[in-house]
Amino acid sequence: MSPRERLATARLYLVCDARPLEWLRAALRGGVDLVQLRDKTLDDDGLVTAAAAFRKSASEAGALFILNDRPDLVAACDADGVHVGQDDLAPGAARAIVGRDRIVGRSTHAPPQADAAQADPEVDYLAVGPVHATPTKPGRPAAGLEYVEYAARTVTKPWFAIGGLDAANVGAVIARGAERIVVVRAITEAADPEAAARALGERLGATRA
């Protein structure tokens, strides 16, 4: 199955810093469909080293491994794709580096950005948010639930609600049309990452093939 085919059925997306292999395996057992390595403390060699655990655990679970913001390291990390923000390399430039067979994701924070990503043939999926203000993106104002509703009405590509989501509040974005979510602290700060992922997956109605 190609990365895009797996993306079409993905529901639960975890973004985290470098983690041990067994921790990643636990989160993936719980139902994570995509895992992104985002660690601003690491240099290039550190990212490539950390990526090995992400690649191994994702391959074992049949999940996707995405690298944050570094299309130039995607091949070295053997990632399935790259995620770029509004202030990062443009999707077309990222695509030129990672190639046609890998995934390019795009952060969006407002309807015009969603419209642009929807129209851009180089974007495979969108992140929509932040729904709530979150310390993982300091200074970024919340886009709110209205933006989730907008995406549900207008975006036909796979899109993921993101920003301060957890098992307690995910029902609000589901009620407004979200079928996919991105989480960080809901799993990374959990005592049991497998149980935390499973609880989120159950709320999404997600199933693993």
N, C-alpha and C. Protein backbone atom coordinates (compact mmCIF):
# COMPACT_ATOMS: atom_id res chain seq x y z
N MET A 1 0.84 -1.19 0.00
CA MET A 1 0.00 0.00 0.00
C MET A 1 0.89 1.25 0.00
N SER A 2 0.57 2.21 -0.85
CA SER A 2 1.38 3.41 -0.97
C SER A 2 1.11 4.35 0.22
N PRO A 3 2.03 5.29 0.47
CA PRO A 3 1.78 6.26 1.54
C PRO A 3 0.45 7.00 1.38
N ARG A 4 0.08 7.39 0.18
CA ARG A 4 -1.18 8.11 -0.01
C ARG A 4 -2.37 7.21 0.26
N GLU A 5 -2.27 5.95 -0.09
CA GLU A 5 -3.37 5.03 0.21
C GLU A 5 -3.54 4.86 1.71
N ARG A 6 -2.44 4.79 2.44
CA ARG A 6 -2.52 4.70 3.90
C ARG A 6 -3.03 6.00 4.50
N LEU A 7 -2.65 7.12 3.92
CA LEU A 7 -3.11 8.41 4.40
C LEU A 7 -4.63 8.52 4.31
N ALA A 8 -5.21 7.96 3.28
CA ALA A 8 -6.65 8.08 3.07
C ALA A 8 -7.46 7.48 4.21
N THR A 9 -6.92 6.48 4.89
CA THR A 9 -7.65 5.83 5.99
C THR A 9 -7.12 6.22 7.36
N ALA A 10 -6.11 7.09 7.41
CA ALA A 10 -5.52 7.47 8.70
C ALA A 10 -6.45 8.40 9.47
N ARG A 11 -6.46 8.23 10.79
CA ARG A 11 -7.32 9.04 11.64
C ARG A 11 -6.56 9.72 12.78
N LEU A 12 -5.60 9.03 13.37
CA LEU A 12 -4.93 9.55 14.56
C LEU A 12 -3.46 9.81 14.25
N TYR A 13 -3.05 11.06 14.45
CA TYR A 13 -1.72 11.55 14.05
C TYR A 13 -1.03 12.06 15.31
N LEU A 14 0.14 11.50 15.59
CA LEU A 14 0.93 11.90 16.76
C LEU A 14 2.15 12.67 16.31
N VAL A 15 2.36 13.84 16.90
CA VAL A 15 3.58 14.63 16.70
C VAL A 15 4.36 14.60 18.01
N CYS A 16 5.62 14.22 17.94
CA CYS A 16 6.40 14.16 19.18
C CYS A 16 7.88 14.36 18.91
N ASP A 17 8.61 14.58 20.00
CA ASP A 17 10.05 14.70 19.93
C ASP A 17 10.67 13.31 19.87
N ALA A 18 11.99 13.25 19.86
CA ALA A 18 12.67 11.96 19.81
C ALA A 18 12.24 11.10 20.98
N ARG A 19 11.92 9.83 20.71
CA ARG A 19 11.40 8.92 21.72
C ARG A 19 12.05 7.55 21.56
N PRO A 20 12.11 6.79 22.66
CA PRO A 20 12.65 5.42 22.56
C PRO A 20 11.74 4.54 21.70
N LEU A 21 12.33 3.53 21.13
CA LEU A 21 11.59 2.62 20.26
C LEU A 21 10.40 2.00 20.97
N GLU A 22 10.55 1.55 22.19
CA GLU A 22 9.45 0.88 22.87
C GLU A 22 8.31 1.83 23.18
N TRP A 23 8.62 3.08 23.47
CA TRP A 23 7.55 4.08 23.68
C TRP A 23 6.76 4.28 22.39
N LEU A 24 7.46 4.41 21.28
CA LEU A 24 6.78 4.58 20.00
C LEU A 24 5.95 3.35 19.65
N ARG A 25 6.49 2.18 19.90
CA ARG A 25 5.72 0.97 19.64
C ARG A 25 4.42 0.96 20.44
N ALA A 26 4.47 1.40 21.68
CA ALA A 26 3.27 1.42 22.51
C ALA A 26 2.22 2.36 21.94
N ALA A 27 2.64 3.57 21.57
CA ALA A 27 1.69 4.52 21.00
C ALA A 27 1.07 3.99 19.71
N LEU A 28 1.86 3.37 18.89
CA LEU A 28 1.36 2.81 17.64
C LEU A 28 0.44 1.62 17.88
N ARG A 29 0.73 0.82 18.88
CA ARG A 29 -0.19 -0.28 19.22
C ARG A 29 -1.55 0.27 19.62
N GLY A 30 -1.55 1.44 20.24
CA GLY A 30 -2.80 2.05 20.66
C GLY A 30 -3.65 2.59 19.52
N GLY A 31 -3.07 2.70 18.33
CA GLY A 31 -3.88 3.13 17.19
C GLY A 31 -3.39 4.34 16.45
N VAL A 32 -2.19 4.82 16.73
CA VAL A 32 -1.63 5.95 15.96
C VAL A 32 -1.39 5.50 14.52
N ASP A 33 -1.87 6.29 13.58
CA ASP A 33 -1.74 5.97 12.16
C ASP A 33 -0.59 6.70 11.48
N LEU A 34 -0.27 7.88 11.99
CA LEU A 34 0.88 8.66 11.51
C LEU A 34 1.65 9.13 12.73
N VAL A 35 2.96 9.10 12.62
CA VAL A 35 3.80 9.64 13.68
C VAL A 35 4.82 10.59 13.06
N GLN A 36 4.89 11.78 13.62
CA GLN A 36 5.80 12.80 13.09
C GLN A 36 6.91 13.09 14.09
N LEU A 37 8.13 13.08 13.61
CA LEU A 37 9.28 13.48 14.41
C LEU A 37 9.45 14.99 14.28
N ARG A 38 9.24 15.67 15.42
CA ARG A 38 9.42 17.12 15.48
C ARG A 38 10.26 17.42 16.71
N ASP A 39 11.52 17.68 16.52
CA ASP A 39 12.42 17.92 17.65
C ASP A 39 13.40 19.01 17.27
N LYS A 40 13.10 20.22 17.74
CA LYS A 40 13.90 21.39 17.39
C LYS A 40 15.24 21.43 18.14
N THR A 41 15.43 20.52 19.10
CA THR A 41 16.69 20.52 19.86
C THR A 41 17.79 19.74 19.17
N LEU A 42 17.45 18.97 18.12
CA LEU A 42 18.41 18.07 17.49
C LEU A 42 19.04 18.71 16.25
N ASP A 43 20.31 18.43 16.05
CA ASP A 43 20.96 18.82 14.80
C ASP A 43 20.65 17.76 13.74
N ASP A 44 21.22 17.93 12.56
CA ASP A 44 20.89 17.01 11.46
C ASP A 44 21.23 15.57 11.80
N ASP A 45 22.42 15.34 12.33
CA ASP A 45 22.81 13.97 12.69
C ASP A 45 21.89 13.41 13.76
N GLY A 46 21.50 14.25 14.71
CA GLY A 46 20.60 13.81 15.76
C GLY A 46 19.23 13.42 15.23
N LEU A 47 18.72 14.18 14.26
CA LEU A 47 17.44 13.84 13.65
C LEU A 47 17.51 12.51 12.91
N VAL A 48 18.58 12.32 12.17
CA VAL A 48 18.71 11.06 11.42
C VAL A 48 18.82 9.88 12.39
N THR A 49 19.54 10.06 13.47
CA THR A 49 19.66 8.99 14.47
C THR A 49 18.31 8.70 15.12
N ALA A 50 17.61 9.77 15.53
CA ALA A 50 16.31 9.59 16.18
C ALA A 50 15.29 8.97 15.24
N ALA A 51 15.40 9.26 13.96
CA ALA A 51 14.44 8.78 12.98
C ALA A 51 14.41 7.26 12.88
N ALA A 52 15.51 6.61 13.23
CA ALA A 52 15.55 5.15 13.09
C ALA A 52 14.45 4.47 13.89
N ALA A 53 14.21 4.94 15.11
CA ALA A 53 13.16 4.34 15.94
C ALA A 53 11.77 4.64 15.36
N PHE A 54 11.60 5.83 14.82
CA PHE A 54 10.32 6.18 14.21
C PHE A 54 10.06 5.31 12.98
N ARG A 55 11.09 5.15 12.14
CA ARG A 55 10.93 4.35 10.93
C ARG A 55 10.62 2.89 11.28
N LYS A 56 11.35 2.34 12.23
CA LYS A 56 11.18 0.94 12.58
C LYS A 56 9.79 0.69 13.17
N SER A 57 9.38 1.52 14.11
CA SER A 57 8.09 1.31 14.76
C SER A 57 6.93 1.53 13.79
N ALA A 58 7.05 2.54 12.93
CA ALA A 58 5.99 2.78 11.97
C ALA A 58 5.88 1.64 10.96
N SER A 59 7.00 1.14 10.50
CA SER A 59 6.97 0.03 9.55
C SER A 59 6.35 -1.21 10.18
N GLU A 60 6.69 -1.48 11.42
CA GLU A 60 6.12 -2.64 12.11
C GLU A 60 4.61 -2.53 12.23
N ALA A 61 4.12 -1.31 12.45
CA ALA A 61 2.69 -1.10 12.69
C ALA A 61 1.89 -0.82 11.42
N GLY A 62 2.57 -0.69 10.29
CA GLY A 62 1.87 -0.31 9.07
C GLY A 62 1.42 1.13 9.09
N ALA A 63 2.12 1.97 9.84
CA ALA A 63 1.79 3.39 9.97
C ALA A 63 2.74 4.22 9.12
N LEU A 64 2.45 5.52 9.05
CA LEU A 64 3.26 6.45 8.28
C LEU A 64 4.20 7.22 9.20
N PHE A 65 5.39 7.48 8.73
CA PHE A 65 6.38 8.27 9.46
C PHE A 65 6.65 9.55 8.68
N ILE A 66 6.38 10.69 9.32
CA ILE A 66 6.52 12.00 8.70
C ILE A 66 7.60 12.78 9.44
N LEU A 67 8.40 13.52 8.71
CA LEU A 67 9.42 14.37 9.30
C LEU A 67 8.95 15.81 9.24
N ASN A 68 9.15 16.55 10.32
CA ASN A 68 8.74 17.94 10.37
C ASN A 68 9.77 18.85 9.71
N ASP A 69 9.33 19.64 8.75
CA ASP A 69 10.04 20.84 8.31
C ASP A 69 11.40 20.61 7.65
N ARG A 70 11.78 19.37 7.37
CA ARG A 70 13.11 19.13 6.81
C ARG A 70 13.04 18.21 5.59
N PRO A 71 12.52 18.72 4.48
CA PRO A 71 12.49 17.88 3.28
C PRO A 71 13.86 17.39 2.87
N ASP A 72 14.90 18.17 3.21
CA ASP A 72 16.25 17.80 2.82
C ASP A 72 16.76 16.57 3.57
N LEU A 73 16.09 16.21 4.68
CA LEU A 73 16.50 15.03 5.46
C LEU A 73 15.54 13.86 5.32
N VAL A 74 14.51 14.01 4.53
CA VAL A 74 13.51 12.95 4.40
C VAL A 74 14.13 11.65 3.90
N ALA A 75 14.97 11.74 2.88
CA ALA A 75 15.58 10.52 2.33
C ALA A 75 16.52 9.89 3.35
N ALA A 76 17.32 10.70 4.02
CA ALA A 76 18.27 10.17 5.00
C ALA A 76 17.55 9.51 6.18
N CYS A 77 16.36 10.04 6.50
CA CYS A 77 15.57 9.48 7.61
C CYS A 77 14.64 8.36 7.15
N ASP A 78 14.56 8.13 5.85
CA ASP A 78 13.66 7.14 5.27
C ASP A 78 12.22 7.40 5.69
N ALA A 79 11.84 8.68 5.71
CA ALA A 79 10.48 9.06 6.08
C ALA A 79 9.54 8.91 4.90
N ASP A 80 8.25 8.78 5.22
CA ASP A 80 7.23 8.68 4.17
C ASP A 80 6.82 10.03 3.63
N GLY A 81 7.28 11.09 4.28
CA GLY A 81 6.93 12.42 3.80
C GLY A 81 7.40 13.48 4.76
N VAL A 82 6.96 14.71 4.48
CA VAL A 82 7.38 15.87 5.27
C VAL A 82 6.17 16.74 5.54
N HIS A 83 6.21 17.43 6.68
CA HIS A 83 5.17 18.40 7.01
C HIS A 83 5.80 19.78 7.06
N VAL A 84 5.18 20.75 6.37
CA VAL A 84 5.72 22.10 6.33
C VAL A 84 4.68 23.09 6.82
N GLY A 85 5.14 24.07 7.60
CA GLY A 85 4.29 25.12 8.11
C GLY A 85 4.22 26.29 7.16
N GLN A 86 3.44 27.29 7.54
CA GLN A 86 3.28 28.47 6.70
C GLN A 86 4.58 29.26 6.57
N ASP A 87 5.47 29.15 7.54
CA ASP A 87 6.73 29.88 7.50
C ASP A 87 7.89 29.01 7.03
N ASP A 88 7.60 27.79 6.61
CA ASP A 88 8.63 26.88 6.15
C ASP A 88 8.71 26.91 4.62
N LEU A 89 9.44 25.97 4.06
CA LEU A 89 9.55 25.86 2.61
C LEU A 89 8.16 25.65 2.00
N ALA A 90 7.90 26.25 0.86
CA ALA A 90 6.62 26.09 0.19
C ALA A 90 6.42 24.63 -0.22
N PRO A 91 5.16 24.17 -0.29
CA PRO A 91 4.92 22.76 -0.66
C PRO A 91 5.55 22.35 -1.98
N GLY A 92 5.52 23.23 -2.97
CA GLY A 92 6.13 22.89 -4.26
C GLY A 92 7.62 22.66 -4.15
N ALA A 93 8.27 23.50 -3.36
CA ALA A 93 9.71 23.33 -3.16
C ALA A 93 10.00 22.07 -2.37
N ALA A 94 9.17 21.78 -1.37
CA ALA A 94 9.34 20.54 -0.60
C ALA A 94 9.14 19.33 -1.50
N ARG A 95 8.13 19.40 -2.38
CA ARG A 95 7.87 18.28 -3.30
C ARG A 95 9.06 18.05 -4.22
N ALA A 96 9.67 19.10 -4.68
CA ALA A 96 10.82 18.95 -5.58
C ALA A 96 11.95 18.20 -4.91
N ILE A 97 12.03 18.30 -3.58
CA ILE A 97 13.10 17.61 -2.85
C ILE A 97 12.71 16.18 -2.52
N VAL A 98 11.48 15.96 -2.03
CA VAL A 98 11.11 14.62 -1.53
C VAL A 98 10.62 13.69 -2.63
N GLY A 99 10.20 14.24 -3.77
CA GLY A 99 9.78 13.40 -4.88
C GLY A 99 8.28 13.15 -4.90
N ARG A 100 7.83 12.48 -5.96
CA ARG A 100 6.40 12.30 -6.18
C ARG A 100 5.79 11.24 -5.28
N ASP A 101 6.55 10.29 -4.81
CA ASP A 101 5.98 9.16 -4.08
C ASP A 101 5.81 9.41 -2.60
N ARG A 102 6.36 10.51 -2.11
CA ARG A 102 6.23 10.81 -0.68
C ARG A 102 5.14 11.85 -0.44
N ILE A 103 4.74 11.97 0.81
CA ILE A 103 3.64 12.85 1.21
C ILE A 103 4.18 14.22 1.62
N VAL A 104 3.42 15.25 1.27
CA VAL A 104 3.69 16.60 1.74
C VAL A 104 2.45 17.11 2.47
N GLY A 105 2.62 17.45 3.75
CA GLY A 105 1.53 18.01 4.54
C GLY A 105 1.75 19.49 4.77
N ARG A 106 0.66 20.20 5.07
CA ARG A 106 0.73 21.66 5.20
C ARG A 106 -0.09 22.14 6.40
N SER A 107 0.52 22.95 7.25
CA SER A 107 -0.22 23.58 8.33
C SER A 107 -1.05 24.72 7.78
N THR A 108 -2.28 24.87 8.29
CA THR A 108 -3.13 26.01 7.93
C THR A 108 -3.80 26.54 9.19
N HIS A 109 -4.03 27.86 9.22
CA HIS A 109 -4.55 28.50 10.43
C HIS A 109 -5.78 29.36 10.18
N ALA A 110 -6.20 29.47 8.93
CA ALA A 110 -7.33 30.32 8.60
C ALA A 110 -7.89 29.89 7.24
N PRO A 111 -9.15 30.24 6.94
CA PRO A 111 -9.76 29.80 5.68
C PRO A 111 -8.95 30.09 4.42
N PRO A 112 -8.33 31.27 4.26
CA PRO A 112 -7.56 31.48 3.02
C PRO A 112 -6.40 30.49 2.88
N GLN A 113 -5.79 30.11 3.98
CA GLN A 113 -4.70 29.14 3.92
C GLN A 113 -5.23 27.75 3.58
N ALA A 114 -6.39 27.41 4.12
CA ALA A 114 -7.02 26.13 3.76
C ALA A 114 -7.37 26.10 2.28
N ASP A 115 -7.91 27.21 1.77
CA ASP A 115 -8.26 27.27 0.35
C ASP A 115 -7.01 27.09 -0.52
N ALA A 116 -5.91 27.73 -0.11
CA ALA A 116 -4.68 27.63 -0.89
C ALA A 116 -4.14 26.21 -0.88
N ALA A 117 -4.17 25.56 0.29
CA ALA A 117 -3.67 24.19 0.38
C ALA A 117 -4.57 23.22 -0.38
N GLN A 118 -5.87 23.46 -0.33
CA GLN A 118 -6.81 22.62 -1.08
C GLN A 118 -6.54 22.72 -2.57
N ALA A 119 -6.19 23.91 -3.04
CA ALA A 119 -5.96 24.12 -4.48
C ALA A 119 -4.57 23.72 -4.93
N ASP A 120 -3.65 23.54 -4.00
CA ASP A 120 -2.26 23.26 -4.34
C ASP A 120 -2.09 21.76 -4.63
N PRO A 121 -1.73 21.39 -5.85
CA PRO A 121 -1.60 19.96 -6.16
C PRO A 121 -0.45 19.28 -5.44
N GLU A 122 0.45 20.06 -4.85
CA GLU A 122 1.59 19.46 -4.14
C GLU A 122 1.27 19.13 -2.68
N VAL A 123 0.13 19.56 -2.18
CA VAL A 123 -0.27 19.29 -0.79
C VAL A 123 -1.14 18.04 -0.75
N ASP A 124 -0.73 17.07 0.08
CA ASP A 124 -1.48 15.84 0.21
C ASP A 124 -2.48 15.87 1.37
N TYR A 125 -2.14 16.60 2.43
CA TYR A 125 -3.07 16.71 3.56
C TYR A 125 -2.86 18.04 4.25
N LEU A 126 -3.85 18.46 5.03
CA LEU A 126 -3.81 19.72 5.75
C LEU A 126 -3.93 19.45 7.25
N ALA A 127 -3.27 20.28 8.05
CA ALA A 127 -3.55 20.40 9.47
C ALA A 127 -4.33 21.68 9.67
N VAL A 128 -5.43 21.61 10.42
CA VAL A 128 -6.37 22.71 10.57
C VAL A 128 -6.40 23.14 12.03
N GLY A 129 -5.90 24.34 12.32
CA GLY A 129 -5.90 24.77 13.70
C GLY A 129 -4.88 25.88 13.95
N PRO A 130 -4.48 26.09 15.20
CA PRO A 130 -4.84 25.30 16.37
C PRO A 130 -6.28 25.57 16.84
N VAL A 131 -7.00 24.50 17.12
CA VAL A 131 -8.37 24.66 17.62
C VAL A 131 -8.35 25.41 18.94
N HIS A 132 -7.45 25.02 19.83
CA HIS A 132 -7.26 25.69 21.11
C HIS A 132 -5.81 26.18 21.18
N ALA A 133 -5.58 27.22 21.96
CA ALA A 133 -4.21 27.67 22.19
C ALA A 133 -3.42 26.54 22.85
N THR A 134 -2.15 26.40 22.47
CA THR A 134 -1.36 25.29 22.96
C THR A 134 0.09 25.72 23.17
N PRO A 135 0.73 25.24 24.22
CA PRO A 135 2.13 25.62 24.47
C PRO A 135 3.10 25.06 23.43
N THR A 136 2.67 24.10 22.63
CA THR A 136 3.55 23.60 21.58
C THR A 136 3.71 24.61 20.45
N LYS A 137 2.81 25.59 20.39
CA LYS A 137 2.91 26.68 19.40
C LYS A 137 2.70 28.00 20.13
N PRO A 138 3.67 28.42 20.94
CA PRO A 138 3.51 29.64 21.72
C PRO A 138 3.29 30.87 20.85
N GLY A 139 2.34 31.69 21.26
CA GLY A 139 2.05 32.89 20.51
C GLY A 139 1.09 32.71 19.35
N ARG A 140 0.73 31.48 19.04
CA ARG A 140 -0.20 31.23 17.94
C ARG A 140 -1.63 31.31 18.49
N PRO A 141 -2.45 32.27 18.05
CA PRO A 141 -3.82 32.35 18.57
C PRO A 141 -4.66 31.17 18.11
N ALA A 142 -5.64 30.83 18.92
CA ALA A 142 -6.52 29.72 18.57
C ALA A 142 -7.35 30.08 17.35
N ALA A 143 -7.47 29.13 16.42
CA ALA A 143 -8.32 29.32 15.25
C ALA A 143 -9.77 29.04 15.58
N GLY A 144 -10.01 28.20 16.59
CA GLY A 144 -11.37 27.96 17.06
C GLY A 144 -12.11 26.88 16.29
N LEU A 145 -13.26 26.54 16.83
CA LEU A 145 -14.09 25.49 16.23
C LEU A 145 -14.71 25.93 14.91
N GLU A 146 -14.85 27.23 14.73
CA GLU A 146 -15.43 27.72 13.47
C GLU A 146 -14.55 27.34 12.28
N TYR A 147 -13.24 27.32 12.50
CA TYR A 147 -12.34 26.94 11.42
C TYR A 147 -12.49 25.46 11.09
N VAL A 148 -12.71 24.65 12.11
CA VAL A 148 -12.98 23.23 11.88
C VAL A 148 -14.23 23.08 11.02
N GLU A 149 -15.27 23.83 11.35
CA GLU A 149 -16.51 23.76 10.56
C GLU A 149 -16.26 24.18 9.11
N TYR A 150 -15.43 25.20 8.93
CA TYR A 150 -15.11 25.66 7.57
C TYR A 150 -14.41 24.55 6.78
N ALA A 151 -13.43 23.92 7.41
CA ALA A 151 -12.71 22.83 6.73
C ALA A 151 -13.66 21.69 6.37
N ALA A 152 -14.56 21.37 7.28
CA ALA A 152 -15.50 20.27 7.02
C ALA A 152 -16.39 20.58 5.81
N ARG A 153 -16.68 21.84 5.61
CA ARG A 153 -17.54 22.23 4.49
C ARG A 153 -16.79 22.31 3.17
N THR A 154 -15.50 22.65 3.21
CA THR A 154 -14.83 23.06 1.97
C THR A 154 -13.65 22.18 1.54
N VAL A 155 -13.01 21.51 2.48
CA VAL A 155 -11.78 20.78 2.15
C VAL A 155 -12.11 19.34 1.81
N THR A 156 -11.65 18.90 0.66
CA THR A 156 -11.90 17.51 0.25
C THR A 156 -10.66 16.62 0.41
N LYS A 157 -9.49 17.24 0.55
CA LYS A 157 -8.30 16.45 0.84
C LYS A 157 -8.36 15.97 2.30
N PRO A 158 -7.58 14.93 2.65
CA PRO A 158 -7.50 14.56 4.07
C PRO A 158 -7.06 15.76 4.91
N TRP A 159 -7.75 16.02 6.01
CA TRP A 159 -7.36 17.12 6.90
C TRP A 159 -7.53 16.67 8.34
N PHE A 160 -6.68 17.24 9.19
CA PHE A 160 -6.61 16.86 10.60
C PHE A 160 -6.80 18.09 11.46
N ALA A 161 -7.76 18.05 12.36
CA ALA A 161 -7.87 19.11 13.36
C ALA A 161 -6.71 18.99 14.34
N ILE A 162 -6.16 20.12 14.77
CA ILE A 162 -4.98 20.12 15.62
C ILE A 162 -5.07 21.26 16.62
N GLY A 163 -4.45 21.06 17.78
CA GLY A 163 -4.31 22.15 18.73
C GLY A 163 -5.03 21.92 20.04
N GLY A 164 -4.30 21.39 21.03
CA GLY A 164 -4.85 21.23 22.35
C GLY A 164 -5.93 20.18 22.47
N LEU A 165 -5.92 19.20 21.57
CA LEU A 165 -6.97 18.19 21.57
C LEU A 165 -6.60 17.01 22.47
N ASP A 166 -7.61 16.46 23.15
CA ASP A 166 -7.42 15.28 23.98
C ASP A 166 -8.75 14.53 24.05
N ALA A 167 -8.77 13.44 24.79
CA ALA A 167 -9.97 12.60 24.83
C ALA A 167 -11.16 13.34 25.43
N ALA A 168 -10.89 14.34 26.27
CA ALA A 168 -11.98 15.06 26.92
C ALA A 168 -12.66 16.07 26.01
N ASN A 169 -11.93 16.63 25.04
CA ASN A 169 -12.53 17.68 24.21
C ASN A 169 -12.64 17.34 22.73
N VAL A 170 -12.19 16.15 22.36
CA VAL A 170 -12.19 15.81 20.94
C VAL A 170 -13.61 15.71 20.39
N GLY A 171 -14.59 15.43 21.26
CA GLY A 171 -15.96 15.33 20.79
C GLY A 171 -16.45 16.60 20.12
N ALA A 172 -15.93 17.76 20.56
CA ALA A 172 -16.38 19.02 19.97
C ALA A 172 -15.94 19.16 18.52
N VAL A 173 -14.73 18.71 18.20
CA VAL A 173 -14.29 18.81 16.80
C VAL A 173 -14.95 17.74 15.95
N ILE A 174 -15.20 16.58 16.52
CA ILE A 174 -15.92 15.53 15.78
C ILE A 174 -17.32 16.01 15.44
N ALA A 175 -17.97 16.67 16.40
CA ALA A 175 -19.32 17.17 16.18
C ALA A 175 -19.38 18.20 15.06
N ARG A 176 -18.26 18.85 14.81
CA ARG A 176 -18.21 19.88 13.76
C ARG A 176 -17.60 19.36 12.47
N GLY A 177 -17.45 18.07 12.36
CA GLY A 177 -17.09 17.47 11.08
C GLY A 177 -15.70 16.90 10.96
N ALA A 178 -14.87 17.01 12.00
CA ALA A 178 -13.52 16.44 11.93
C ALA A 178 -13.58 14.92 12.03
N GLU A 179 -12.86 14.25 11.17
CA GLU A 179 -12.74 12.79 11.22
C GLU A 179 -11.32 12.36 11.57
N ARG A 180 -10.39 13.32 11.58
CA ARG A 180 -8.98 13.05 11.84
C ARG A 180 -8.45 14.12 12.80
N ILE A 181 -7.54 13.73 13.67
CA ILE A 181 -6.96 14.70 14.59
C ILE A 181 -5.45 14.50 14.71
N VAL A 182 -4.76 15.58 15.08
CA VAL A 182 -3.36 15.55 15.46
C VAL A 182 -3.29 15.83 16.95
N VAL A 183 -2.48 15.06 17.66
CA VAL A 183 -2.28 15.31 19.09
C VAL A 183 -0.79 15.32 19.40
N VAL A 184 -0.47 16.00 20.48
CA VAL A 184 0.90 15.99 21.01
C VAL A 184 0.83 15.55 22.47
N ARG A 185 0.46 16.48 23.35
CA ARG A 185 0.51 16.21 24.78
C ARG A 185 -0.46 15.13 25.23
N ALA A 186 -1.56 14.95 24.51
CA ALA A 186 -2.54 13.94 24.90
C ALA A 186 -1.93 12.55 24.97
N ILE A 187 -0.85 12.33 24.22
CA ILE A 187 -0.15 11.05 24.27
C ILE A 187 1.22 11.19 24.91
N THR A 188 1.96 12.25 24.56
CA THR A 188 3.33 12.36 25.08
C THR A 188 3.38 12.57 26.59
N GLU A 189 2.33 13.16 27.17
CA GLU A 189 2.31 13.38 28.61
C GLU A 189 1.51 12.33 29.36
N ALA A 190 1.02 11.34 28.65
CA ALA A 190 0.23 10.28 29.29
C ALA A 190 1.15 9.26 29.96
N ALA A 191 0.70 8.73 31.09
CA ALA A 191 1.46 7.69 31.77
C ALA A 191 1.54 6.42 30.93
N ASP A 192 0.50 6.17 30.15
CA ASP A 192 0.41 4.98 29.31
C ASP A 192 0.08 5.43 27.89
N PRO A 193 1.07 5.58 27.02
CA PRO A 193 0.79 6.08 25.66
C PRO A 193 -0.12 5.17 24.86
N GLU A 194 -0.03 3.87 25.08
CA GLU A 194 -0.90 2.96 24.35
C GLU A 194 -2.36 3.17 24.73
N ALA A 195 -2.63 3.28 26.02
CA ALA A 195 -4.00 3.50 26.48
C ALA A 195 -4.52 4.85 26.03
N ALA A 196 -3.66 5.86 26.06
CA ALA A 196 -4.09 7.20 25.64
C ALA A 196 -4.44 7.21 24.16
N ALA A 197 -3.62 6.57 23.35
CA ALA A 197 -3.91 6.50 21.92
C ALA A 197 -5.19 5.72 21.67
N ARG A 198 -5.39 4.64 22.39
CA ARG A 198 -6.58 3.83 22.19
C ARG A 198 -7.85 4.61 22.55
N ALA A 199 -7.78 5.39 23.62
CA ALA A 199 -8.94 6.18 24.02
C ALA A 199 -9.30 7.20 22.95
N LEU A 200 -8.29 7.82 22.36
CA LEU A 200 -8.55 8.78 21.29
C LEU A 200 -9.11 8.08 20.06
N GLY A 201 -8.53 6.94 19.72
CA GLY A 201 -9.03 6.19 18.57
C GLY A 201 -10.46 5.76 18.72
N GLU A 202 -10.82 5.39 19.94
CA GLU A 202 -12.21 5.00 20.19
C GLU A 202 -13.15 6.17 20.00
N ARG A 203 -12.73 7.35 20.42
CA ARG A 203 -13.57 8.53 20.23
C ARG A 203 -13.73 8.85 18.74
N LEU A 204 -12.69 8.59 17.98
CA LEU A 204 -12.74 8.86 16.54
C LEU A 204 -13.49 7.75 15.78
N GLY A 205 -13.70 6.63 16.44
CA GLY A 205 -14.28 5.49 15.73
C GLY A 205 -13.29 4.87 14.78
N ALA A 206 -11.98 5.07 15.08
CA ALA A 206 -10.94 4.58 14.17
C ALA A 206 -10.74 3.09 14.37
N THR A 207 -10.42 2.41 13.28
CA THR A 207 -10.03 1.01 13.33
C THR A 207 -8.76 0.83 12.54
N ARG A 208 -7.94 -0.11 12.95
CA ARG A 208 -6.72 -0.42 12.23
C ARG A 208 -6.95 -1.61 11.32
N ALA A 209 -6.40 -1.55 10.14
CA ALA A 209 -6.51 -2.68 9.22
C ALA A 209 -5.74 -3.85 9.79
